[in-house]
Amino acid sequence: MSFEIEGLLHKKFETESKSATFQAREFVIQTDGQYPQYVKFQLTQDKCALIDSYNEGSKIKVNFDLRGREWNEKFFTNLNAWKISAAQDVAAASLPPAAGMSDFSGINENYADAPATTAANTKPEDFDDLPF
């Protein structure tokens, strides 16, 4: 099961060699919102270098999996990151206009002489002009 989250890179830690064949690296992101959360993720093996190109304070998007295990009647949960990318701002990610819809300049000029409609001057018979 895969998940995705965006936030500011708060802290990144050094890579740790857990054994001769296993290495791991952790980092923390701060989520947006009224109550920001600090969420710690883990990178393993060849993925440890994914965080190198991002500085603390950068806005990033993290794709991750939930990992759980049991050891001596104790249970552990890890957020295993497998992809990190720069997050795009909503304003910067605007889509190009649809074909034929790129220029709306002058649209109000066509309706300059139309009377303004308000709740005060609307009558029930104004709504009886349905086309069916």
N, C-alpha and C. Protein backbone atom coordinates (compact mmCIF):
# COMPACT_ATOMS: atom_id res chain seq x y z
N MET A 1 0.85 -1.17 0.00
CA MET A 1 0.00 0.00 0.00
C MET A 1 0.90 1.24 0.00
N SER A 2 0.67 2.15 -0.90
CA SER A 2 1.52 3.32 -1.07
C SER A 2 0.78 4.59 -0.64
N PHE A 3 1.52 5.51 -0.02
CA PHE A 3 0.97 6.77 0.44
C PHE A 3 1.85 7.91 -0.06
N GLU A 4 1.32 9.14 0.04
CA GLU A 4 2.03 10.33 -0.41
C GLU A 4 1.73 11.47 0.55
N ILE A 5 2.74 12.28 0.85
CA ILE A 5 2.57 13.43 1.74
C ILE A 5 3.52 14.53 1.32
N GLU A 6 3.12 15.78 1.55
CA GLU A 6 3.97 16.93 1.27
C GLU A 6 4.25 17.68 2.56
N GLY A 7 5.40 18.29 2.62
CA GLY A 7 5.76 19.09 3.78
C GLY A 7 7.14 19.68 3.61
N LEU A 8 7.57 20.42 4.64
CA LEU A 8 8.90 21.01 4.64
C LEU A 8 9.90 20.04 5.24
N LEU A 9 11.04 19.89 4.60
CA LEU A 9 12.09 19.05 5.15
C LEU A 9 12.62 19.73 6.40
N HIS A 10 12.36 19.14 7.55
CA HIS A 10 12.73 19.74 8.83
C HIS A 10 14.14 19.32 9.25
N LYS A 11 14.45 18.03 9.13
CA LYS A 11 15.74 17.52 9.59
C LYS A 11 16.09 16.28 8.80
N LYS A 12 17.36 16.16 8.43
CA LYS A 12 17.82 14.92 7.82
C LYS A 12 19.03 14.43 8.60
N PHE A 13 19.08 13.13 8.81
CA PHE A 13 20.12 12.51 9.61
C PHE A 13 21.12 11.81 8.71
N GLU A 14 22.26 11.46 9.27
CA GLU A 14 23.30 10.75 8.54
C GLU A 14 22.88 9.29 8.33
N THR A 15 23.47 8.67 7.31
CA THR A 15 23.23 7.25 7.05
C THR A 15 23.92 6.42 8.12
N GLU A 16 23.20 5.43 8.64
CA GLU A 16 23.74 4.54 9.67
C GLU A 16 23.85 3.13 9.10
N SER A 17 24.99 2.49 9.33
CA SER A 17 25.17 1.09 8.93
C SER A 17 24.70 0.23 10.09
N LYS A 18 23.59 -0.45 9.91
CA LYS A 18 23.02 -1.30 10.96
C LYS A 18 23.74 -2.64 11.04
N SER A 19 24.23 -3.12 9.90
CA SER A 19 25.03 -4.35 9.84
C SER A 19 25.95 -4.22 8.63
N ALA A 20 26.69 -5.26 8.34
CA ALA A 20 27.61 -5.22 7.21
C ALA A 20 26.87 -5.10 5.88
N THR A 21 25.59 -5.50 5.84
CA THR A 21 24.85 -5.50 4.58
C THR A 21 23.60 -4.61 4.59
N PHE A 22 23.37 -3.89 5.70
CA PHE A 22 22.14 -3.09 5.79
C PHE A 22 22.46 -1.69 6.30
N GLN A 23 21.93 -0.68 5.57
CA GLN A 23 22.08 0.71 6.00
C GLN A 23 20.74 1.41 5.95
N ALA A 24 20.57 2.42 6.81
CA ALA A 24 19.32 3.17 6.89
C ALA A 24 19.62 4.63 7.17
N ARG A 25 18.68 5.48 6.75
CA ARG A 25 18.80 6.92 6.98
C ARG A 25 17.41 7.46 7.28
N GLU A 26 17.32 8.36 8.24
CA GLU A 26 16.03 8.94 8.62
C GLU A 26 16.00 10.42 8.29
N PHE A 27 14.78 10.92 8.07
CA PHE A 27 14.57 12.35 7.89
C PHE A 27 13.17 12.68 8.41
N VAL A 28 12.96 13.97 8.71
CA VAL A 28 11.70 14.44 9.30
C VAL A 28 11.14 15.55 8.43
N ILE A 29 9.83 15.47 8.15
CA ILE A 29 9.16 16.57 7.47
C ILE A 29 8.14 17.19 8.41
N GLN A 30 7.87 18.46 8.18
CA GLN A 30 6.84 19.18 8.93
C GLN A 30 5.66 19.40 7.99
N THR A 31 4.49 18.94 8.38
CA THR A 31 3.30 19.09 7.55
C THR A 31 2.73 20.49 7.69
N ASP A 32 1.91 20.89 6.70
CA ASP A 32 1.23 22.17 6.73
C ASP A 32 -0.05 22.03 7.54
N GLY A 33 -0.69 23.15 7.79
CA GLY A 33 -1.99 23.13 8.45
C GLY A 33 -1.97 23.86 9.77
N GLN A 34 -3.14 23.90 10.39
CA GLN A 34 -3.28 24.60 11.65
C GLN A 34 -2.46 23.95 12.76
N TYR A 35 -2.36 22.62 12.73
CA TYR A 35 -1.59 21.88 13.72
C TYR A 35 -0.51 21.07 13.00
N PRO A 36 0.62 21.70 12.69
CA PRO A 36 1.68 20.98 11.95
C PRO A 36 2.18 19.77 12.73
N GLN A 37 2.51 18.74 11.98
CA GLN A 37 3.03 17.51 12.57
C GLN A 37 4.45 17.30 12.06
N TYR A 38 5.26 16.68 12.91
CA TYR A 38 6.62 16.30 12.52
C TYR A 38 6.61 14.78 12.31
N VAL A 39 6.84 14.37 11.07
CA VAL A 39 6.72 12.96 10.70
C VAL A 39 8.09 12.44 10.27
N LYS A 40 8.53 11.34 10.91
CA LYS A 40 9.84 10.77 10.62
C LYS A 40 9.70 9.63 9.62
N PHE A 41 10.55 9.64 8.61
CA PHE A 41 10.59 8.61 7.57
C PHE A 41 11.94 7.91 7.59
N GLN A 42 11.97 6.74 6.98
CA GLN A 42 13.20 5.97 6.89
C GLN A 42 13.50 5.64 5.43
N LEU A 43 14.75 5.78 5.05
CA LEU A 43 15.25 5.35 3.74
C LEU A 43 16.18 4.17 4.00
N THR A 44 16.18 3.17 3.13
CA THR A 44 17.04 2.02 3.34
C THR A 44 17.85 1.71 2.08
N GLN A 45 18.99 1.07 2.31
CA GLN A 45 19.88 0.57 1.27
C GLN A 45 20.22 1.64 0.23
N ASP A 46 19.97 1.40 -1.05
CA ASP A 46 20.35 2.34 -2.10
C ASP A 46 19.48 3.60 -2.12
N LYS A 47 18.40 3.63 -1.37
CA LYS A 47 17.51 4.80 -1.32
C LYS A 47 18.02 5.87 -0.35
N CYS A 48 19.05 5.57 0.44
CA CYS A 48 19.56 6.51 1.43
C CYS A 48 20.02 7.83 0.82
N ALA A 49 20.45 7.82 -0.42
CA ALA A 49 20.95 9.04 -1.07
C ALA A 49 19.85 9.91 -1.65
N LEU A 50 18.59 9.46 -1.64
CA LEU A 50 17.50 10.24 -2.24
C LEU A 50 17.34 11.63 -1.62
N ILE A 51 17.65 11.76 -0.35
CA ILE A 51 17.42 13.01 0.37
C ILE A 51 18.59 13.98 0.22
N ASP A 52 19.70 13.53 -0.34
CA ASP A 52 20.91 14.37 -0.43
C ASP A 52 20.70 15.67 -1.17
N SER A 53 19.92 15.68 -2.21
CA SER A 53 19.78 16.88 -3.05
C SER A 53 18.80 17.91 -2.50
N TYR A 54 18.22 17.66 -1.33
CA TYR A 54 17.26 18.60 -0.74
C TYR A 54 17.83 19.19 0.54
N ASN A 55 17.64 20.49 0.71
CA ASN A 55 18.10 21.18 1.91
C ASN A 55 16.98 21.28 2.93
N GLU A 56 17.36 21.37 4.19
CA GLU A 56 16.36 21.57 5.23
C GLU A 56 15.61 22.87 4.94
N GLY A 57 14.30 22.84 5.05
CA GLY A 57 13.45 23.97 4.71
C GLY A 57 12.83 23.87 3.33
N SER A 58 13.30 22.92 2.52
CA SER A 58 12.72 22.71 1.17
C SER A 58 11.37 22.03 1.28
N LYS A 59 10.45 22.39 0.38
CA LYS A 59 9.16 21.72 0.33
C LYS A 59 9.30 20.49 -0.56
N ILE A 60 8.98 19.32 0.01
CA ILE A 60 9.15 18.07 -0.71
C ILE A 60 7.88 17.23 -0.66
N LYS A 61 7.79 16.31 -1.61
CA LYS A 61 6.71 15.32 -1.64
C LYS A 61 7.37 13.96 -1.45
N VAL A 62 6.82 13.17 -0.51
CA VAL A 62 7.39 11.88 -0.17
C VAL A 62 6.37 10.79 -0.49
N ASN A 63 6.79 9.79 -1.27
CA ASN A 63 5.99 8.59 -1.49
C ASN A 63 6.55 7.53 -0.55
N PHE A 64 5.67 6.84 0.17
CA PHE A 64 6.15 5.90 1.18
C PHE A 64 5.19 4.74 1.37
N ASP A 65 5.69 3.69 2.02
CA ASP A 65 4.92 2.51 2.39
C ASP A 65 4.94 2.40 3.91
N LEU A 66 3.92 1.78 4.46
CA LEU A 66 3.89 1.44 5.88
C LEU A 66 4.54 0.08 6.07
N ARG A 67 5.44 -0.01 7.02
CA ARG A 67 6.10 -1.29 7.32
C ARG A 67 5.91 -1.57 8.81
N GLY A 68 5.52 -2.76 9.13
CA GLY A 68 5.35 -3.16 10.53
C GLY A 68 6.01 -4.49 10.79
N ARG A 69 6.52 -4.65 12.01
CA ARG A 69 7.15 -5.92 12.37
C ARG A 69 7.03 -6.15 13.87
N GLU A 70 7.25 -7.39 14.26
CA GLU A 70 7.19 -7.79 15.67
C GLU A 70 8.55 -8.37 16.06
N TRP A 71 9.00 -8.03 17.27
CA TRP A 71 10.24 -8.56 17.79
C TRP A 71 10.10 -8.69 19.30
N ASN A 72 10.18 -9.90 19.81
CA ASN A 72 10.08 -10.18 21.25
C ASN A 72 8.83 -9.57 21.87
N GLU A 73 7.70 -9.81 21.22
CA GLU A 73 6.40 -9.30 21.72
C GLU A 73 6.30 -7.78 21.71
N LYS A 74 7.16 -7.11 20.95
CA LYS A 74 7.08 -5.66 20.76
C LYS A 74 6.82 -5.42 19.28
N PHE A 75 6.05 -4.38 18.99
CA PHE A 75 5.66 -4.10 17.61
C PHE A 75 6.22 -2.74 17.19
N PHE A 76 6.73 -2.70 15.97
CA PHE A 76 7.36 -1.51 15.44
C PHE A 76 6.72 -1.16 14.10
N THR A 77 6.58 0.14 13.86
CA THR A 77 6.04 0.62 12.60
C THR A 77 7.02 1.62 12.00
N ASN A 78 7.31 1.49 10.73
CA ASN A 78 8.18 2.43 10.02
C ASN A 78 7.44 2.98 8.81
N LEU A 79 7.74 4.22 8.48
CA LEU A 79 7.29 4.83 7.24
C LEU A 79 8.47 4.75 6.29
N ASN A 80 8.41 3.82 5.36
CA ASN A 80 9.53 3.52 4.47
C ASN A 80 9.41 4.33 3.18
N ALA A 81 10.19 5.42 3.07
CA ALA A 81 10.15 6.28 1.89
C ALA A 81 10.85 5.60 0.73
N TRP A 82 10.27 5.70 -0.47
CA TRP A 82 10.88 5.10 -1.65
C TRP A 82 11.01 6.09 -2.80
N LYS A 83 10.42 7.30 -2.66
CA LYS A 83 10.57 8.32 -3.70
C LYS A 83 10.43 9.69 -3.03
N ILE A 84 11.30 10.61 -3.41
CA ILE A 84 11.24 11.98 -2.90
C ILE A 84 11.36 12.91 -4.10
N SER A 85 10.49 13.91 -4.16
CA SER A 85 10.55 14.89 -5.23
C SER A 85 10.21 16.27 -4.68
N ALA A 86 10.57 17.30 -5.41
CA ALA A 86 10.24 18.66 -5.01
C ALA A 86 8.73 18.86 -5.16
N ALA A 87 8.12 19.44 -4.16
CA ALA A 87 6.67 19.70 -4.21
C ALA A 87 6.42 20.95 -5.04
N GLN A 88 5.34 20.94 -5.80
CA GLN A 88 4.98 22.10 -6.60
C GLN A 88 3.92 22.89 -5.86
N ASP A 89 4.03 24.22 -5.92
CA ASP A 89 2.99 25.06 -5.37
C ASP A 89 1.77 24.98 -6.26
N VAL A 90 0.59 25.13 -5.68
CA VAL A 90 -0.65 25.04 -6.45
C VAL A 90 -0.69 26.13 -7.52
N ALA A 91 -0.26 27.34 -7.20
CA ALA A 91 -0.28 28.44 -8.16
C ALA A 91 0.70 28.21 -9.30
N ALA A 92 1.84 27.60 -8.99
CA ALA A 92 2.85 27.36 -10.02
C ALA A 92 2.49 26.21 -10.93
N ALA A 93 1.59 25.35 -10.49
CA ALA A 93 1.23 24.17 -11.26
C ALA A 93 -0.03 24.40 -12.09
N SER A 94 -0.26 25.61 -12.53
CA SER A 94 -1.48 25.89 -13.29
C SER A 94 -1.40 25.22 -14.66
N LEU A 95 -2.54 24.79 -15.13
CA LEU A 95 -2.63 24.11 -16.42
C LEU A 95 -2.75 25.12 -17.54
N PRO A 96 -2.28 24.81 -18.73
CA PRO A 96 -2.47 25.72 -19.86
C PRO A 96 -3.95 25.79 -20.22
N PRO A 97 -4.41 26.89 -20.78
CA PRO A 97 -5.83 27.00 -21.14
C PRO A 97 -6.21 26.00 -22.22
N ALA A 98 -7.46 25.60 -22.22
CA ALA A 98 -7.97 24.67 -23.22
C ALA A 98 -7.97 25.34 -24.59
N ALA A 99 -7.90 24.55 -25.64
CA ALA A 99 -7.88 25.08 -27.00
C ALA A 99 -9.13 25.91 -27.26
N GLY A 100 -8.94 27.10 -27.79
CA GLY A 100 -10.06 27.98 -28.12
C GLY A 100 -10.60 28.75 -26.93
N MET A 101 -10.03 28.55 -25.75
CA MET A 101 -10.54 29.21 -24.56
C MET A 101 -9.47 30.11 -23.94
N SER A 102 -8.46 30.46 -24.70
CA SER A 102 -7.32 31.17 -24.13
C SER A 102 -7.57 32.66 -23.92
N ASP A 103 -8.51 33.27 -24.61
CA ASP A 103 -8.68 34.70 -24.50
C ASP A 103 -10.11 35.06 -24.13
N PHE A 104 -10.27 35.53 -22.91
CA PHE A 104 -11.59 35.95 -22.45
C PHE A 104 -11.66 37.47 -22.33
N SER A 105 -10.67 38.18 -22.87
CA SER A 105 -10.69 39.64 -22.76
C SER A 105 -11.90 40.17 -23.54
N GLY A 106 -12.52 41.16 -22.97
CA GLY A 106 -13.65 41.79 -23.62
C GLY A 106 -14.96 41.07 -23.42
N ILE A 107 -15.02 40.08 -22.58
CA ILE A 107 -16.27 39.33 -22.40
C ILE A 107 -17.34 40.20 -21.75
N ASN A 108 -16.94 41.09 -20.86
CA ASN A 108 -17.92 41.96 -20.21
C ASN A 108 -18.45 43.04 -21.15
N GLU A 109 -17.70 43.34 -22.21
CA GLU A 109 -18.16 44.35 -23.17
C GLU A 109 -19.46 43.92 -23.85
N ASN A 110 -19.66 42.62 -24.08
CA ASN A 110 -20.86 42.13 -24.74
C ASN A 110 -22.10 42.27 -23.86
N TYR A 111 -21.90 42.36 -22.58
CA TYR A 111 -23.02 42.39 -21.64
C TYR A 111 -23.12 43.71 -20.90
N ALA A 112 -22.49 44.75 -21.40
CA ALA A 112 -22.49 46.04 -20.73
C ALA A 112 -23.89 46.64 -20.65
N ASP A 113 -24.76 46.37 -21.63
CA ASP A 113 -26.10 46.95 -21.64
C ASP A 113 -27.13 46.07 -20.95
N ALA A 114 -26.77 44.90 -20.49
CA ALA A 114 -27.73 43.99 -19.86
C ALA A 114 -28.08 44.51 -18.48
N PRO A 115 -29.38 44.45 -18.10
CA PRO A 115 -29.79 44.94 -16.78
C PRO A 115 -29.26 44.01 -15.68
N ALA A 116 -28.92 44.61 -14.57
CA ALA A 116 -28.45 43.83 -13.42
C ALA A 116 -29.64 43.15 -12.77
N THR A 117 -29.48 41.90 -12.38
CA THR A 117 -30.54 41.14 -11.73
C THR A 117 -30.19 40.97 -10.27
N THR A 118 -31.12 41.32 -9.40
CA THR A 118 -30.93 41.14 -7.97
C THR A 118 -32.14 40.42 -7.42
N ALA A 119 -32.03 39.98 -6.20
CA ALA A 119 -33.16 39.28 -5.56
C ALA A 119 -34.36 40.21 -5.42
N ALA A 120 -34.12 41.50 -5.30
CA ALA A 120 -35.21 42.45 -5.09
C ALA A 120 -36.06 42.64 -6.34
N ASN A 121 -35.47 42.56 -7.54
CA ASN A 121 -36.26 42.77 -8.75
C ASN A 121 -36.52 41.48 -9.53
N THR A 122 -36.41 40.32 -8.90
CA THR A 122 -36.68 39.04 -9.54
C THR A 122 -38.09 38.59 -9.16
N LYS A 123 -38.86 38.17 -10.18
CA LYS A 123 -40.23 37.70 -9.96
C LYS A 123 -40.31 36.22 -10.29
N PRO A 124 -41.28 35.48 -9.74
CA PRO A 124 -41.40 34.04 -10.03
C PRO A 124 -41.52 33.74 -11.51
N GLU A 125 -42.20 34.58 -12.30
CA GLU A 125 -42.36 34.30 -13.72
C GLU A 125 -41.05 34.42 -14.49
N ASP A 126 -40.01 35.02 -13.90
CA ASP A 126 -38.70 35.10 -14.55
C ASP A 126 -38.07 33.72 -14.70
N PHE A 127 -38.54 32.75 -13.95
CA PHE A 127 -37.95 31.41 -13.98
C PHE A 127 -38.80 30.42 -14.77
N ASP A 128 -39.82 30.90 -15.51
CA ASP A 128 -40.67 30.03 -16.30
C ASP A 128 -40.23 29.87 -17.75
N ASP A 129 -39.01 30.23 -18.05
CA ASP A 129 -38.55 30.16 -19.42
C ASP A 129 -37.65 28.95 -19.68
N LEU A 130 -37.95 27.84 -19.07
CA LEU A 130 -37.15 26.62 -19.28
C LEU A 130 -37.36 26.12 -20.70
N PRO A 131 -36.31 25.63 -21.36
CA PRO A 131 -36.40 25.23 -22.76
C PRO A 131 -37.09 23.89 -22.98
N PHE A 132 -37.59 23.23 -21.97
CA PHE A 132 -38.24 21.93 -22.18
C PHE A 132 -39.59 21.88 -21.54
